[in-house]
């Protein structure tokens, strides 16, 4: 595992990401103290909400239709 300081990570982020894509783990340190790790993301899985599977629609927070809104008044 490679350790780099924050300034080096900021300067060479693209190169570090290429190394991570190749499978390397990189630790970012501030004043020699590790604060973060760059690791390959792998397959990101959908998380379940609580103990049941719940799909929240993309328009969940869109305004209610006028008819629905009127029934709440």
PDB file of N, CA and C in Angstrom:
ATOM      1  N   UNK A   1       0.846  -1.165   0.000  1.00  0.00           N
ATOM      2  CA  UNK A   1       0.000   0.000   0.000  1.00  0.00           C
ATOM      3  C   UNK A   1       0.897   1.235   0.000  1.00  0.00           C
ATOM      4  N   UNK A   2       0.547   2.189  -0.846  1.00  0.00           N
ATOM      5  CA  UNK A   2       1.306   3.420  -0.979  1.00  0.00           C
ATOM      6  C   UNK A   2       0.667   4.515  -0.128  1.00  0.00           C
ATOM      7  N   UNK A   3       1.496   5.348   0.487  1.00  0.00           N
ATOM      8  CA  UNK A   3       1.004   6.487   1.245  1.00  0.00           C
ATOM      9  C   UNK A   3       1.518   7.767   0.596  1.00  0.00           C
ATOM     10  N   UNK A   4       0.612   8.729   0.383  1.00  0.00           N
ATOM     11  CA  UNK A   4       0.988  10.030  -0.174  1.00  0.00           C
ATOM     12  C   UNK A   4       0.429  11.116   0.732  1.00  0.00           C
ATOM     13  N   UNK A   5       1.076  12.293   0.703  1.00  0.00           N
ATOM     14  CA  UNK A   5       0.551  13.389   1.507  1.00  0.00           C
ATOM     15  C   UNK A   5      -0.543  14.117   0.720  1.00  0.00           C
ATOM     16  N   UNK A   6      -1.274  14.969   1.393  1.00  0.00           N
ATOM     17  CA  UNK A   6      -2.422  15.646   0.796  1.00  0.00           C
ATOM     18  C   UNK A   6      -1.998  16.464  -0.417  1.00  0.00           C
ATOM     19  N   UNK A   7      -0.907  17.208  -0.313  1.00  0.00           N
ATOM     20  CA  UNK A   7      -0.470  18.044  -1.438  1.00  0.00           C
ATOM     21  C   UNK A   7      -0.157  17.192  -2.663  1.00  0.00           C
ATOM     22  N   UNK A   8       0.525  16.083  -2.472  1.00  0.00           N
ATOM     23  CA  UNK A   8       0.841  15.195  -3.591  1.00  0.00           C
ATOM     24  C   UNK A   8      -0.442  14.612  -4.186  1.00  0.00           C
ATOM     25  N   UNK A   9      -1.405  14.266  -3.334  1.00  0.00           N
ATOM     26  CA  UNK A   9      -2.678  13.727  -3.824  1.00  0.00           C
ATOM     27  C   UNK A   9      -3.408  14.767  -4.661  1.00  0.00           C
ATOM     28  N   UNK A  10      -3.391  16.033  -4.212  1.00  0.00           N
ATOM     29  CA  UNK A  10      -4.056  17.092  -4.970  1.00  0.00           C
ATOM     30  C   UNK A  10      -3.371  17.307  -6.313  1.00  0.00           C
ATOM     31  N   UNK A  11      -2.049  17.273  -6.310  1.00  0.00           N
ATOM     32  CA  UNK A  11      -1.287  17.529  -7.522  1.00  0.00           C
ATOM     33  C   UNK A  11      -1.385  16.392  -8.527  1.00  0.00           C
ATOM     34  N   UNK A  12      -1.437  15.164  -8.059  1.00  0.00           N
ATOM     35  CA  UNK A  12      -1.369  13.989  -8.932  1.00  0.00           C
ATOM     36  C   UNK A  12      -2.621  13.118  -8.850  1.00  0.00           C
ATOM     37  N   UNK A  13      -3.787  13.718  -8.617  1.00  0.00           N
ATOM     38  CA  UNK A  13      -5.003  12.935  -8.420  1.00  0.00           C
ATOM     39  C   UNK A  13      -5.303  12.018  -9.597  1.00  0.00           C
ATOM     40  N   UNK A  14      -5.191  12.513 -10.822  1.00  0.00           N
ATOM     41  CA  UNK A  14      -5.500  11.679 -11.994  1.00  0.00           C
ATOM     42  C   UNK A  14      -4.596  10.452 -12.055  1.00  0.00           C
ATOM     43  N   UNK A  15      -3.317  10.638 -11.793  1.00  0.00           N
ATOM     44  CA  UNK A  15      -2.382   9.507 -11.817  1.00  0.00           C
ATOM     45  C   UNK A  15      -2.688   8.532 -10.684  1.00  0.00           C
ATOM     46  N   UNK A  16      -3.038   9.067  -9.515  1.00  0.00           N
ATOM     47  CA  UNK A  16      -3.376   8.188  -8.388  1.00  0.00           C
ATOM     48  C   UNK A  16      -4.633   7.380  -8.692  1.00  0.00           C
ATOM     49  N   UNK A  17      -5.629   8.025  -9.319  1.00  0.00           N
ATOM     50  CA  UNK A  17      -6.848   7.302  -9.683  1.00  0.00           C
ATOM     51  C   UNK A  17      -6.562   6.196 -10.690  1.00  0.00           C
ATOM     52  N   UNK A  18      -5.654   6.435 -11.616  1.00  0.00           N
ATOM     53  CA  UNK A  18      -5.277   5.396 -12.585  1.00  0.00           C
ATOM     54  C   UNK A  18      -4.641   4.211 -11.859  1.00  0.00           C
ATOM     55  N   UNK A  19      -3.817   4.489 -10.870  1.00  0.00           N
ATOM     56  CA  UNK A  19      -3.205   3.404 -10.098  1.00  0.00           C
ATOM     57  C   UNK A  19      -4.255   2.631  -9.306  1.00  0.00           C
ATOM     58  N   UNK A  20      -5.246   3.348  -8.765  1.00  0.00           N
ATOM     59  CA  UNK A  20      -6.322   2.691  -8.023  1.00  0.00           C
ATOM     60  C   UNK A  20      -7.145   1.824  -8.965  1.00  0.00           C
ATOM     61  N   UNK A  21      -7.426   2.323 -10.168  1.00  0.00           N
ATOM     62  CA  UNK A  21      -8.167   1.520 -11.154  1.00  0.00           C
ATOM     63  C   UNK A  21      -7.421   0.243 -11.497  1.00  0.00           C
ATOM     64  N   UNK A  22      -6.100   0.282 -11.406  1.00  0.00           N
ATOM     65  CA  UNK A  22      -5.287  -0.898 -11.675  1.00  0.00           C
ATOM     66  C   UNK A  22      -5.263  -1.855 -10.485  1.00  0.00           C
ATOM     67  N   UNK A  23      -5.921  -1.466  -9.379  1.00  0.00           N
ATOM     68  CA  UNK A  23      -6.038  -2.372  -8.241  1.00  0.00           C
ATOM     69  C   UNK A  23      -5.244  -1.989  -7.012  1.00  0.00           C
ATOM     70  N   UNK A  24      -4.504  -0.896  -7.061  1.00  0.00           N
ATOM     71  CA  UNK A  24      -3.678  -0.492  -5.922  1.00  0.00           C
ATOM     72  C   UNK A  24      -4.511   0.282  -4.890  1.00  0.00           C
ATOM     73  N   UNK A  25      -4.227   0.081  -3.621  1.00  0.00           N
ATOM     74  CA  UNK A  25      -4.819   0.878  -2.541  1.00  0.00           C
ATOM     75  C   UNK A  25      -3.835   1.983  -2.183  1.00  0.00           C
ATOM     76  N   UNK A  26      -4.333   3.212  -2.051  1.00  0.00           N
ATOM     77  CA  UNK A  26      -3.471   4.348  -1.732  1.00  0.00           C
ATOM     78  C   UNK A  26      -4.025   5.045  -0.504  1.00  0.00           C
ATOM     79  N   UNK A  27      -3.145   5.324   0.458  1.00  0.00           N
ATOM     80  CA  UNK A  27      -3.517   6.036   1.669  1.00  0.00           C
ATOM     81  C   UNK A  27      -3.091   7.489   1.533  1.00  0.00           C
ATOM     82  N   UNK A  28      -3.987   8.401   1.904  1.00  0.00           N
ATOM     83  CA  UNK A  28      -3.672   9.825   1.912  1.00  0.00           C
ATOM     84  C   UNK A  28      -3.470  10.238   3.360  1.00  0.00           C
ATOM     85  N   UNK A  29      -2.335  10.898   3.613  1.00  0.00           N
ATOM     86  CA  UNK A  29      -1.977  11.272   4.981  1.00  0.00           C
ATOM     87  C   UNK A  29      -1.800  12.777   5.093  1.00  0.00           C
ATOM     88  N   UNK A  30      -2.125  13.293   6.275  1.00  0.00           N
ATOM     89  CA  UNK A  30      -1.877  14.697   6.610  1.00  0.00           C
ATOM     90  C   UNK A  30      -0.880  14.696   7.762  1.00  0.00           C
ATOM     91  N   UNK A  31       0.264  15.332   7.531  1.00  0.00           N
ATOM     92  CA  UNK A  31       1.348  15.366   8.534  1.00  0.00           C
ATOM     93  C   UNK A  31       1.742  13.950   8.960  1.00  0.00           C
ATOM     94  N   UNK A  32       1.725  13.023   8.001  1.00  0.00           N
ATOM     95  CA  UNK A  32       2.141  11.653   8.283  1.00  0.00           C
ATOM     96  C   UNK A  32       1.090  10.777   8.923  1.00  0.00           C
ATOM     97  N   UNK A  33      -0.084  11.349   9.212  1.00  0.00           N
ATOM     98  CA  UNK A  33      -1.159  10.585   9.852  1.00  0.00           C
ATOM     99  C   UNK A  33      -2.199  10.222   8.801  1.00  0.00           C
ATOM    100  N   UNK A  34      -2.458   8.932   8.568  1.00  0.00           N
ATOM    101  CA  UNK A  34      -3.431   8.528   7.549  1.00  0.00           C
ATOM    102  C   UNK A  34      -4.819   9.093   7.854  1.00  0.00           C
ATOM    103  N   UNK A  35      -5.460   9.680   6.820  1.00  0.00           N
ATOM    104  CA  UNK A  35      -6.804  10.231   6.998  1.00  0.00           C
ATOM    105  C   UNK A  35      -7.811   9.658   6.006  1.00  0.00           C
ATOM    106  N   UNK A  36      -7.347   9.073   4.903  1.00  0.00           N
ATOM    107  CA  UNK A  36      -8.276   8.541   3.902  1.00  0.00           C
ATOM    108  C   UNK A  36      -7.584   7.470   3.075  1.00  0.00           C
ATOM    109  N   UNK A  37      -8.421   6.623   2.440  1.00  0.00           N
ATOM    110  CA  UNK A  37      -7.894   5.596   1.552  1.00  0.00           C
ATOM    111  C   UNK A  37      -8.595   5.693   0.210  1.00  0.00           C
ATOM    112  N   UNK A  38      -7.824   5.569  -0.861  1.00  0.00           N
ATOM    113  CA  UNK A  38      -8.381   5.435  -2.199  1.00  0.00           C
ATOM    114  C   UNK A  38      -8.338   3.957  -2.545  1.00  0.00           C
ATOM    115  N   UNK A  39      -9.496   3.380  -2.800  1.00  0.00           N
ATOM    116  CA  UNK A  39      -9.589   1.966  -3.158  1.00  0.00           C
ATOM    117  C   UNK A  39     -10.513   1.839  -4.353  1.00  0.00           C
ATOM    118  N   UNK A  40     -10.372   0.786  -5.157  1.00  0.00           N
ATOM    119  CA  UNK A  40     -11.284   0.601  -6.290  1.00  0.00           C
ATOM    120  C   UNK A  40     -12.728   0.508  -5.802  1.00  0.00           C
ATOM    121  N   UNK A  41     -13.632   1.137  -6.532  1.00  0.00           N
ATOM    122  CA  UNK A  41     -15.038   1.159  -6.138  1.00  0.00           C
ATOM    123  C   UNK A  41     -15.677  -0.212  -6.272  1.00  0.00           C
ATOM    124  N   UNK A  42     -15.239  -1.008  -7.216  1.00  0.00           N
ATOM    125  CA  UNK A  42     -15.843  -2.317  -7.413  1.00  0.00           C
ATOM    126  C   UNK A  42     -17.277  -2.190  -7.885  1.00  0.00           C
ATOM    127  N   UNK A  43     -18.056  -3.220  -7.711  1.00  0.00           N
ATOM    128  CA  UNK A  43     -19.462  -3.191  -8.088  1.00  0.00           C
ATOM    129  C   UNK A  43     -20.259  -2.549  -6.958  1.00  0.00           C
ATOM    130  N   UNK A  44     -20.808  -1.386  -7.238  1.00  0.00           N
ATOM    131  CA  UNK A  44     -21.624  -0.719  -6.233  1.00  0.00           C
ATOM    132  C   UNK A  44     -23.004  -1.353  -6.238  1.00  0.00           C
ATOM    133  N   UNK A  45     -23.435  -1.822  -5.091  1.00  0.00           N
ATOM    134  CA  UNK A  45     -24.720  -2.492  -4.979  1.00  0.00           C
ATOM    135  C   UNK A  45     -25.749  -1.524  -4.431  1.00  0.00           C
ATOM    136  N   UNK A  46     -26.992  -1.692  -4.867  1.00  0.00           N
ATOM    137  CA  UNK A  46     -28.079  -0.895  -4.301  1.00  0.00           C
ATOM    138  C   UNK A  46     -28.291  -1.320  -2.867  1.00  0.00           C
ATOM    139  N   UNK A  47     -28.435  -0.360  -2.001  1.00  0.00           N
ATOM    140  CA  UNK A  47     -28.671  -0.661  -0.595  1.00  0.00           C
ATOM    141  C   UNK A  47     -30.160  -0.784  -0.359  1.00  0.00           C
ATOM    142  N   UNK A  48     -30.507  -1.645   0.566  1.00  0.00           N
ATOM    143  CA  UNK A  48     -31.906  -1.771   0.928  1.00  0.00           C
ATOM    144  C   UNK A  48     -32.199  -0.799   2.063  1.00  0.00           C
ATOM    145  N   UNK A  49     -33.428  -0.360   2.125  1.00  0.00           N
ATOM    146  CA  UNK A  49     -33.856   0.583   3.147  1.00  0.00           C
ATOM    147  C   UNK A  49     -34.482  -0.217   4.278  1.00  0.00           C
ATOM    148  N   UNK A  50     -33.809  -0.295   5.396  1.00  0.00           N
ATOM    149  CA  UNK A  50     -34.314  -1.076   6.521  1.00  0.00           C
ATOM    150  C   UNK A  50     -34.302  -2.557   6.200  1.00  0.00           C
ATOM    151  N   UNK A  51     -35.366  -3.246   6.586  1.00  0.00           N
ATOM    152  CA  UNK A  51     -35.419  -4.686   6.379  1.00  0.00           C
ATOM    153  C   UNK A  51     -36.245  -5.061   5.157  1.00  0.00           C
ATOM    154  N   UNK A  52     -36.862  -4.075   4.516  1.00  0.00           N
ATOM    155  CA  UNK A  52     -37.648  -4.373   3.318  1.00  0.00           C
ATOM    156  C   UNK A  52     -37.010  -3.675   2.125  1.00  0.00           C
ATOM    157  N   UNK A  53     -37.232  -4.226   0.954  1.00  0.00           N
ATOM    158  CA  UNK A  53     -36.760  -3.558  -0.247  1.00  0.00           C
ATOM    159  C   UNK A  53     -37.751  -2.474  -0.604  1.00  0.00           C
ATOM    160  N   UNK A  54     -37.255  -1.299  -0.829  1.00  0.00           N
ATOM    161  CA  UNK A  54     -38.104  -0.156  -1.097  1.00  0.00           C
ATOM    162  C   UNK A  54     -37.486   0.645  -2.225  1.00  0.00           C
ATOM    163  N   UNK A  55     -38.231   0.844  -3.289  1.00  0.00           N
ATOM    164  CA  UNK A  55     -37.770   1.676  -4.383  1.00  0.00           C
ATOM    165  C   UNK A  55     -38.429   3.038  -4.264  1.00  0.00           C
ATOM    166  N   UNK A  56     -37.617   4.074  -4.146  1.00  0.00           N
ATOM    167  CA  UNK A  56     -38.126   5.438  -4.081  1.00  0.00           C
ATOM    168  C   UNK A  56     -38.085   5.996  -5.493  1.00  0.00           C
ATOM    169  N   UNK A  57     -39.232   6.407  -6.035  1.00  0.00           N
ATOM    170  CA  UNK A  57     -39.250   6.918  -7.405  1.00  0.00           C
ATOM    171  C   UNK A  57     -38.460   8.215  -7.523  1.00  0.00           C
ATOM    172  N   UNK A  58     -37.952   8.474  -8.731  1.00  0.00           N
ATOM    173  CA  UNK A  58     -37.161   9.675  -8.964  1.00  0.00           C
ATOM    174  C   UNK A  58     -37.960  10.949  -8.712  1.00  0.00           C
ATOM    175  N   UNK A  59     -39.292  10.905  -8.909  1.00  0.00           N
ATOM    176  CA  UNK A  59     -40.113  12.102  -8.730  1.00  0.00           C
ATOM    177  C   UNK A  59     -40.724  12.178  -7.332  1.00  0.00           C
ATOM    178  N   UNK A  60     -40.113  11.507  -6.364  1.00  0.00           N
ATOM    179  CA  UNK A  60     -40.636  11.443  -5.002  1.00  0.00           C
ATOM    180  C   UNK A  60     -40.919  12.825  -4.410  1.00  0.00           C
ATOM    181  N   UNK A  61     -40.023  13.763  -4.646  1.00  0.00           N
ATOM    182  CA  UNK A  61     -40.176  15.080  -4.036  1.00  0.00           C
ATOM    183  C   UNK A  61     -40.738  16.133  -4.990  1.00  0.00           C
ATOM    184  N   UNK A  62     -41.351  15.701  -6.080  1.00  0.00           N
ATOM    185  CA  UNK A  62     -41.959  16.661  -7.005  1.00  0.00           C
ATOM    186  C   UNK A  62     -43.300  17.137  -6.437  1.00  0.00           C
ATOM    187  N   UNK A  63     -43.769  18.295  -6.873  1.00  0.00           N
ATOM    188  CA  UNK A  63     -45.036  18.816  -6.350  1.00  0.00           C
ATOM    189  C   UNK A  63     -46.199  17.869  -6.630  1.00  0.00           C
ATOM    190  N   UNK A  64     -47.177  17.855  -5.730  1.00  0.00           N
ATOM    191  CA  UNK A  64     -48.361  17.013  -5.902  1.00  0.00           C
ATOM    192  C   UNK A  64     -49.241  17.568  -7.015  1.00  0.00           C
ATOM    193  N   UNK A  65     -49.982  16.691  -7.719  1.00  0.00           N
ATOM    194  CA  UNK A  65     -50.953  17.169  -8.689  1.00  0.00           C
ATOM    195  C   UNK A  65     -52.005  18.016  -7.975  1.00  0.00           C
ATOM    196  N   UNK A  66     -52.638  18.933  -8.698  1.00  0.00           N
ATOM    197  CA  UNK A  66     -53.602  19.858  -8.093  1.00  0.00           C
ATOM    198  C   UNK A  66     -54.721  19.115  -7.371  1.00  0.00           C
ATOM    199  N   UNK A  67     -55.258  18.043  -7.977  1.00  0.00           N
ATOM    200  CA  UNK A  67     -56.353  17.290  -7.349  1.00  0.00           C
ATOM    201  C   UNK A  67     -55.927  16.687  -6.021  1.00  0.00           C
ATOM    202  N   UNK A  68     -54.758  16.114  -5.957  1.00  0.00           N
ATOM    203  CA  UNK A  68     -54.232  15.509  -4.726  1.00  0.00           C
ATOM    204  C   UNK A  68     -53.972  16.593  -3.684  1.00  0.00           C
ATOM    205  N   UNK A  69     -53.405  17.688  -4.112  1.00  0.00           N
ATOM    206  CA  UNK A  69     -53.118  18.784  -3.201  1.00  0.00           C
ATOM    207  C   UNK A  69     -54.385  19.352  -2.592  1.00  0.00           C
ATOM    208  N   UNK A  70     -55.450  19.471  -3.404  1.00  0.00           N
ATOM    209  CA  UNK A  70     -56.719  20.007  -2.917  1.00  0.00           C
ATOM    210  C   UNK A  70     -57.342  19.100  -1.851  1.00  0.00           C
ATOM    211  N   UNK A  71     -57.142  17.796  -1.960  1.00  0.00           N
ATOM    212  CA  UNK A  71     -57.723  16.876  -0.978  1.00  0.00           C
ATOM    213  C   UNK A  71     -57.028  16.981   0.382  1.00  0.00           C
ATOM    214  N   UNK A  72     -55.866  17.556   0.435  1.00  0.00           N
ATOM    215  CA  UNK A  72     -55.124  17.726   1.691  1.00  0.00           C
ATOM    216  C   UNK A  72     -55.455  19.045   2.381  1.00  0.00           C
ATOM    217  N   UNK A  73     -56.169  19.924   1.710  1.00  0.00           N
ATOM    218  CA  UNK A  73     -56.477  21.231   2.298  1.00  0.00           C
ATOM    219  C   UNK A  73     -57.746  21.207   3.105  1.00  0.00           C
TER     220      UNK A  73
END
